[in-house]
Amino acid sequence: MVNWSLINSGGRKISSAQIRKNMVSFMTRNYPGSVIDSIERKYNAYKIQLMSGLCLVFDADGRHVKTD
């Protein structure tokens, strides 16, 4: 299960309320048990780096765009 309660972002903590619900659904459905290394938010995208080395990119609405 992914723990979304607190996420580091640029040295400050943000709550799961600021993360799109469909991003959480995508992560729990496709990457259960994954550990998130970081989440970066830009005005039009979210970039989630997993400890496994995968990088997931979502649009501003939280829809999955690509996996690197």
PDB file of N, CA and C in Angstrom:
ATOM      1  N   MET A   1       0.849  -1.193   0.000  1.00  0.00           N
ATOM      2  CA  MET A   1       0.000   0.000   0.000  1.00  0.00           C
ATOM      3  C   MET A   1       0.879   1.236   0.000  1.00  0.00           C
ATOM      4  N   VAL A   2       0.511   2.201  -0.769  1.00  0.00           N
ATOM      5  CA  VAL A   2       1.262   3.451  -0.860  1.00  0.00           C
ATOM      6  C   VAL A   2       0.844   4.367   0.283  1.00  0.00           C
ATOM      7  N   ASN A   3       1.811   4.923   0.993  1.00  0.00           N
ATOM      8  CA  ASN A   3       1.510   5.840   2.085  1.00  0.00           C
ATOM      9  C   ASN A   3       1.553   7.267   1.548  1.00  0.00           C
ATOM     10  N   TRP A   4       0.386   7.865   1.425  1.00  0.00           N
ATOM     11  CA  TRP A   4       0.275   9.215   0.885  1.00  0.00           C
ATOM     12  C   TRP A   4       0.035  10.256   1.958  1.00  0.00           C
ATOM     13  N   SER A   5       0.180   9.916   3.229  1.00  0.00           N
ATOM     14  CA  SER A   5      -0.182  10.873   4.270  1.00  0.00           C
ATOM     15  C   SER A   5       0.717  12.107   4.282  1.00  0.00           C
ATOM     16  N   LEU A   6       2.022  11.921   4.141  1.00  0.00           N
ATOM     17  CA  LEU A   6       2.922  13.062   4.059  1.00  0.00           C
ATOM     18  C   LEU A   6       3.959  12.802   2.977  1.00  0.00           C
ATOM     19  N   ILE A   7       4.209  13.792   2.147  1.00  0.00           N
ATOM     20  CA  ILE A   7       5.138  13.658   1.037  1.00  0.00           C
ATOM     21  C   ILE A   7       6.058  14.864   1.033  1.00  0.00           C
ATOM     22  N   ASN A   8       7.362  14.624   0.931  1.00  0.00           N
ATOM     23  CA  ASN A   8       8.310  15.731   0.848  1.00  0.00           C
ATOM     24  C   ASN A   8       8.224  16.377  -0.523  1.00  0.00           C
ATOM     25  N   SER A   9       8.257  17.679  -0.548  1.00  0.00           N
ATOM     26  CA  SER A   9       8.215  18.411  -1.801  1.00  0.00           C
ATOM     27  C   SER A   9       9.051  19.669  -1.659  1.00  0.00           C
ATOM     28  N   GLY A  10      10.219  19.653  -2.231  1.00  0.00           N
ATOM     29  CA  GLY A  10      11.092  20.817  -2.168  1.00  0.00           C
ATOM     30  C   GLY A  10      11.445  21.220  -0.755  1.00  0.00           C
ATOM     31  N   GLY A  11      11.646  20.238   0.123  1.00  0.00           N
ATOM     32  CA  GLY A  11      12.031  20.539   1.485  1.00  0.00           C
ATOM     33  C   GLY A  11      10.875  20.805   2.429  1.00  0.00           C
ATOM     34  N   ARG A  12       9.651  20.845   1.923  1.00  0.00           N
ATOM     35  CA  ARG A  12       8.504  21.051   2.806  1.00  0.00           C
ATOM     36  C   ARG A  12       7.558  19.867   2.683  1.00  0.00           C
ATOM     37  N   LYS A  13       6.722  19.665   3.672  1.00  0.00           N
ATOM     38  CA  LYS A  13       5.774  18.547   3.664  1.00  0.00           C
ATOM     39  C   LYS A  13       4.431  19.017   3.108  1.00  0.00           C
ATOM     40  N   ILE A  14       3.811  18.144   2.319  1.00  0.00           N
ATOM     41  CA  ILE A  14       2.467  18.423   1.835  1.00  0.00           C
ATOM     42  C   ILE A  14       1.588  17.228   2.172  1.00  0.00           C
ATOM     43  N   SER A  15       0.317  17.445   2.302  1.00  0.00           N
ATOM     44  CA  SER A  15      -0.586  16.362   2.692  1.00  0.00           C
ATOM     45  C   SER A  15      -1.178  15.673   1.472  1.00  0.00           C
ATOM     46  N   SER A  16      -1.751  14.499   1.707  1.00  0.00           N
ATOM     47  CA  SER A  16      -2.359  13.748   0.619  1.00  0.00           C
ATOM     48  C   SER A  16      -3.556  14.481   0.027  1.00  0.00           C
ATOM     49  N   ALA A  17      -4.107  15.448   0.734  1.00  0.00           N
ATOM     50  CA  ALA A  17      -5.232  16.217   0.197  1.00  0.00           C
ATOM     51  C   ALA A  17      -4.814  17.008  -1.034  1.00  0.00           C
ATOM     52  N   GLN A  18      -3.505  17.261  -1.183  1.00  0.00           N
ATOM     53  CA  GLN A  18      -3.018  18.013  -2.328  1.00  0.00           C
ATOM     54  C   GLN A  18      -2.667  17.120  -3.510  1.00  0.00           C
ATOM     55  N   ILE A  19      -2.806  15.810  -3.350  1.00  0.00           N
ATOM     56  CA  ILE A  19      -2.506  14.866  -4.414  1.00  0.00           C
ATOM     57  C   ILE A  19      -3.822  14.414  -5.048  1.00  0.00           C
ATOM     58  N   ARG A  20      -3.867  14.373  -6.352  1.00  0.00           N
ATOM     59  CA  ARG A  20      -5.084  13.989  -7.058  1.00  0.00           C
ATOM     60  C   ARG A  20      -5.487  12.555  -6.721  1.00  0.00           C
ATOM     61  N   LYS A  21      -6.765  12.340  -6.463  1.00  0.00           N
ATOM     62  CA  LYS A  21      -7.258  11.016  -6.082  1.00  0.00           C
ATOM     63  C   LYS A  21      -7.026   9.969  -7.163  1.00  0.00           C
ATOM     64  N   ASN A  22      -7.132  10.357  -8.434  1.00  0.00           N
ATOM     65  CA  ASN A  22      -6.912   9.359  -9.470  1.00  0.00           C
ATOM     66  C   ASN A  22      -5.443   8.956  -9.581  1.00  0.00           C
ATOM     67  N   MET A  23      -4.512   9.796  -9.123  1.00  0.00           N
ATOM     68  CA  MET A  23      -3.104   9.409  -9.056  1.00  0.00           C
ATOM     69  C   MET A  23      -2.920   8.331  -7.993  1.00  0.00           C
ATOM     70  N   VAL A  24      -3.574   8.499  -6.864  1.00  0.00           N
ATOM     71  CA  VAL A  24      -3.510   7.508  -5.795  1.00  0.00           C
ATOM     72  C   VAL A  24      -4.105   6.189  -6.289  1.00  0.00           C
ATOM     73  N   SER A  25      -5.224   6.246  -6.970  1.00  0.00           N
ATOM     74  CA  SER A  25      -5.857   5.042  -7.511  1.00  0.00           C
ATOM     75  C   SER A  25      -4.942   4.339  -8.505  1.00  0.00           C
ATOM     76  N   PHE A  26      -4.323   5.097  -9.386  1.00  0.00           N
ATOM     77  CA  PHE A  26      -3.410   4.516 -10.369  1.00  0.00           C
ATOM     78  C   PHE A  26      -2.245   3.824  -9.678  1.00  0.00           C
ATOM     79  N   MET A  27      -1.670   4.483  -8.675  1.00  0.00           N
ATOM     80  CA  MET A  27      -0.523   3.911  -7.954  1.00  0.00           C
ATOM     81  C   MET A  27      -0.906   2.626  -7.219  1.00  0.00           C
ATOM     82  N   THR A  28      -2.008   2.629  -6.522  1.00  0.00           N
ATOM     83  CA  THR A  28      -2.391   1.446  -5.750  1.00  0.00           C
ATOM     84  C   THR A  28      -2.814   0.295  -6.665  1.00  0.00           C
ATOM     85  N   ARG A  29      -3.367   0.609  -7.829  1.00  0.00           N
ATOM     86  CA  ARG A  29      -3.789  -0.423  -8.774  1.00  0.00           C
ATOM     87  C   ARG A  29      -2.599  -1.011  -9.541  1.00  0.00           C
ATOM     88  N   ASN A  30      -1.670  -0.163  -9.995  1.00  0.00           N
ATOM     89  CA  ASN A  30      -0.581  -0.601 -10.863  1.00  0.00           C
ATOM     90  C   ASN A  30       0.760  -0.820 -10.168  1.00  0.00           C
ATOM     91  N   TYR A  31       0.969  -0.182  -9.043  1.00  0.00           N
ATOM     92  CA  TYR A  31       2.245  -0.297  -8.328  1.00  0.00           C
ATOM     93  C   TYR A  31       2.016  -0.502  -6.836  1.00  0.00           C
ATOM     94  N   PRO A  32       1.261  -1.540  -6.464  1.00  0.00           N
ATOM     95  CA  PRO A  32       1.002  -1.768  -5.032  1.00  0.00           C
ATOM     96  C   PRO A  32       2.305  -2.081  -4.296  1.00  0.00           C
ATOM     97  N   GLY A  33       2.447  -1.536  -3.128  1.00  0.00           N
ATOM     98  CA  GLY A  33       3.641  -1.774  -2.317  1.00  0.00           C
ATOM     99  C   GLY A  33       4.838  -0.943  -2.723  1.00  0.00           C
ATOM    100  N   SER A  34       4.696  -0.100  -3.734  1.00  0.00           N
ATOM    101  CA  SER A  34       5.810   0.735  -4.160  1.00  0.00           C
ATOM    102  C   SER A  34       6.100   1.813  -3.136  1.00  0.00           C
ATOM    103  N   VAL A  35       7.372   2.181  -3.063  1.00  0.00           N
ATOM    104  CA  VAL A  35       7.789   3.251  -2.162  1.00  0.00           C
ATOM    105  C   VAL A  35       8.112   4.471  -3.012  1.00  0.00           C
ATOM    106  N   ILE A  36       7.510   5.587  -2.652  1.00  0.00           N
ATOM    107  CA  ILE A  36       7.710   6.827  -3.394  1.00  0.00           C
ATOM    108  C   ILE A  36       8.929   7.545  -2.842  1.00  0.00           C
ATOM    109  N   ASP A  37       9.848   7.860  -3.739  1.00  0.00           N
ATOM    110  CA  ASP A  37      11.050   8.595  -3.357  1.00  0.00           C
ATOM    111  C   ASP A  37      10.763  10.092  -3.310  1.00  0.00           C
ATOM    112  N   SER A  38      10.065  10.603  -4.329  1.00  0.00           N
ATOM    113  CA  SER A  38       9.745  12.034  -4.348  1.00  0.00           C
ATOM    114  C   SER A  38       8.582  12.315  -5.285  1.00  0.00           C
ATOM    115  N   ILE A  39       7.947  13.445  -5.036  1.00  0.00           N
ATOM    116  CA  ILE A  39       6.907  13.951  -5.921  1.00  0.00           C
ATOM    117  C   ILE A  39       7.244  15.395  -6.228  1.00  0.00           C
ATOM    118  N   GLU A  40       7.257  15.696  -7.503  1.00  0.00           N
ATOM    119  CA  GLU A  40       7.531  17.051  -7.949  1.00  0.00           C
ATOM    120  C   GLU A  40       6.270  17.578  -8.609  1.00  0.00           C
ATOM    121  N   ARG A  41       5.872  18.774  -8.256  1.00  0.00           N
ATOM    122  CA  ARG A  41       4.677  19.354  -8.854  1.00  0.00           C
ATOM    123  C   ARG A  41       5.053  20.613  -9.605  1.00  0.00           C
ATOM    124  N   LYS A  42       4.609  20.663 -10.855  1.00  0.00           N
ATOM    125  CA  LYS A  42       4.762  21.870 -11.652  1.00  0.00           C
ATOM    126  C   LYS A  42       3.363  22.360 -11.962  1.00  0.00           C
ATOM    127  N   TYR A  43       3.221  23.504 -12.565  1.00  0.00           N
ATOM    128  CA  TYR A  43       1.892  24.063 -12.793  1.00  0.00           C
ATOM    129  C   TYR A  43       1.013  23.175 -13.663  1.00  0.00           C
ATOM    130  N   ASN A  44       1.603  22.334 -14.526  1.00  0.00           N
ATOM    131  CA  ASN A  44       0.771  21.524 -15.423  1.00  0.00           C
ATOM    132  C   ASN A  44       1.076  20.024 -15.342  1.00  0.00           C
ATOM    133  N   ALA A  45       1.847  19.585 -14.354  1.00  0.00           N
ATOM    134  CA  ALA A  45       2.200  18.167 -14.281  1.00  0.00           C
ATOM    135  C   ALA A  45       2.695  17.775 -12.899  1.00  0.00           C
ATOM    136  N   TYR A  46       2.625  16.463 -12.642  1.00  0.00           N
ATOM    137  CA  TYR A  46       3.197  15.861 -11.441  1.00  0.00           C
ATOM    138  C   TYR A  46       4.187  14.800 -11.899  1.00  0.00           C
ATOM    139  N   LYS A  47       5.330  14.727 -11.244  1.00  0.00           N
ATOM    140  CA  LYS A  47       6.343  13.724 -11.541  1.00  0.00           C
ATOM    141  C   LYS A  47       6.600  12.951 -10.257  1.00  0.00           C
ATOM    142  N   ILE A  48       6.358  11.637 -10.287  1.00  0.00           N
ATOM    143  CA  ILE A  48       6.535  10.791  -9.112  1.00  0.00           C
ATOM    144  C   ILE A  48       7.700   9.849  -9.368  1.00  0.00           C
ATOM    145  N   GLN A  49       8.709   9.934  -8.537  1.00  0.00           N
ATOM    146  CA  GLN A  49       9.881   9.075  -8.621  1.00  0.00           C
ATOM    147  C   GLN A  49       9.734   7.960  -7.598  1.00  0.00           C
ATOM    148  N   LEU A  50       9.786   6.704  -8.060  1.00  0.00           N
ATOM    149  CA  LEU A  50       9.691   5.562  -7.170  1.00  0.00           C
ATOM    150  C   LEU A  50      11.086   5.104  -6.769  1.00  0.00           C
ATOM    151  N   MET A  51      11.198   4.464  -5.618  1.00  0.00           N
ATOM    152  CA  MET A  51      12.480   3.953  -5.144  1.00  0.00           C
ATOM    153  C   MET A  51      13.041   2.902  -6.107  1.00  0.00           C
ATOM    154  N   SER A  52      12.207   2.251  -6.871  1.00  0.00           N
ATOM    155  CA  SER A  52      12.653   1.244  -7.837  1.00  0.00           C
ATOM    156  C   SER A  52      13.349   1.861  -9.043  1.00  0.00           C
ATOM    157  N   GLY A  53      13.278   3.194  -9.168  1.00  0.00           N
ATOM    158  CA  GLY A  53      13.904   3.884 -10.288  1.00  0.00           C
ATOM    159  C   GLY A  53      12.921   4.337 -11.350  1.00  0.00           C
ATOM    160  N   LEU A  54      11.692   3.845 -11.299  1.00  0.00           N
ATOM    161  CA  LEU A  54      10.681   4.274 -12.263  1.00  0.00           C
ATOM    162  C   LEU A  54      10.247   5.703 -11.981  1.00  0.00           C
ATOM    163  N   CYS A  55       9.895   6.399 -13.043  1.00  0.00           N
ATOM    164  CA  CYS A  55       9.382   7.755 -12.920  1.00  0.00           C
ATOM    165  C   CYS A  55       8.029   7.802 -13.615  1.00  0.00           C
ATOM    166  N   LEU A  56       7.001   8.219 -12.883  1.00  0.00           N
ATOM    167  CA  LEU A  56       5.645   8.317 -13.424  1.00  0.00           C
ATOM    168  C   LEU A  56       5.298   9.788 -13.615  1.00  0.00           C
ATOM    169  N   VAL A  57       4.721  10.100 -14.767  1.00  0.00           N
ATOM    170  CA  VAL A  57       4.337  11.478 -15.056  1.00  0.00           C
ATOM    171  C   VAL A  57       2.823  11.531 -15.214  1.00  0.00           C
ATOM    172  N   PHE A  58       2.205  12.505 -14.552  1.00  0.00           N
ATOM    173  CA  PHE A  58       0.760  12.720 -14.609  1.00  0.00           C
ATOM    174  C   PHE A  58       0.506  14.153 -15.051  1.00  0.00           C
ATOM    175  N   ASP A  59      -0.628  14.365 -15.718  1.00  0.00           N
ATOM    176  CA  ASP A  59      -0.983  15.733 -16.100  1.00  0.00           C
ATOM    177  C   ASP A  59      -1.567  16.476 -14.904  1.00  0.00           C
ATOM    178  N   ALA A  60      -1.940  17.713 -15.102  1.00  0.00           N
ATOM    179  CA  ALA A  60      -2.437  18.552 -14.004  1.00  0.00           C
ATOM    180  C   ALA A  60      -3.721  18.012 -13.389  1.00  0.00           C
ATOM    181  N   ASP A  61      -4.469  17.207 -14.140  1.00  0.00           N
ATOM    182  CA  ASP A  61      -5.702  16.613 -13.625  1.00  0.00           C
ATOM    183  C   ASP A  61      -5.459  15.262 -12.970  1.00  0.00           C
ATOM    184  N   GLY A  62      -4.194  14.820 -12.945  1.00  0.00           N
ATOM    185  CA  GLY A  62      -3.862  13.556 -12.306  1.00  0.00           C
ATOM    186  C   GLY A  62      -3.986  12.341 -13.195  1.00  0.00           C
ATOM    187  N   ARG A  63      -4.097  12.539 -14.504  1.00  0.00           N
ATOM    188  CA  ARG A  63      -4.173  11.404 -15.438  1.00  0.00           C
ATOM    189  C   ARG A  63      -2.758  10.979 -15.817  1.00  0.00           C
ATOM    190  N   HIS A  64      -2.512   9.667 -15.810  1.00  0.00           N
ATOM    191  CA  HIS A  64      -1.192   9.130 -16.149  1.00  0.00           C
ATOM    192  C   HIS A  64      -0.850   9.467 -17.591  1.00  0.00           C
ATOM    193  N   VAL A  65       0.353  10.009 -17.794  1.00  0.00           N
ATOM    194  CA  VAL A  65       0.806  10.395 -19.130  1.00  0.00           C
ATOM    195  C   VAL A  65       1.844   9.405 -19.641  1.00  0.00           C
ATOM    196  N   LYS A  66       2.872   9.129 -18.816  1.00  0.00           N
ATOM    197  CA  LYS A  66       3.912   8.201 -19.245  1.00  0.00           C
ATOM    198  C   LYS A  66       4.694   7.665 -18.050  1.00  0.00           C
ATOM    199  N   THR A  67       5.424   6.587 -18.313  1.00  0.00           N
ATOM    200  CA  THR A  67       6.311   5.978 -17.334  1.00  0.00           C
ATOM    201  C   THR A  67       7.702   5.920 -17.953  1.00  0.00           C
ATOM    202  N   ASP A  68       8.680   6.426 -17.240  1.00  0.00           N
ATOM    203  CA  ASP A  68      10.076   6.365 -17.702  1.00  0.00           C
ATOM    204  C   ASP A  68      10.844   5.362 -16.896  1.00  0.00           C
TER     205      ASP A  68
END
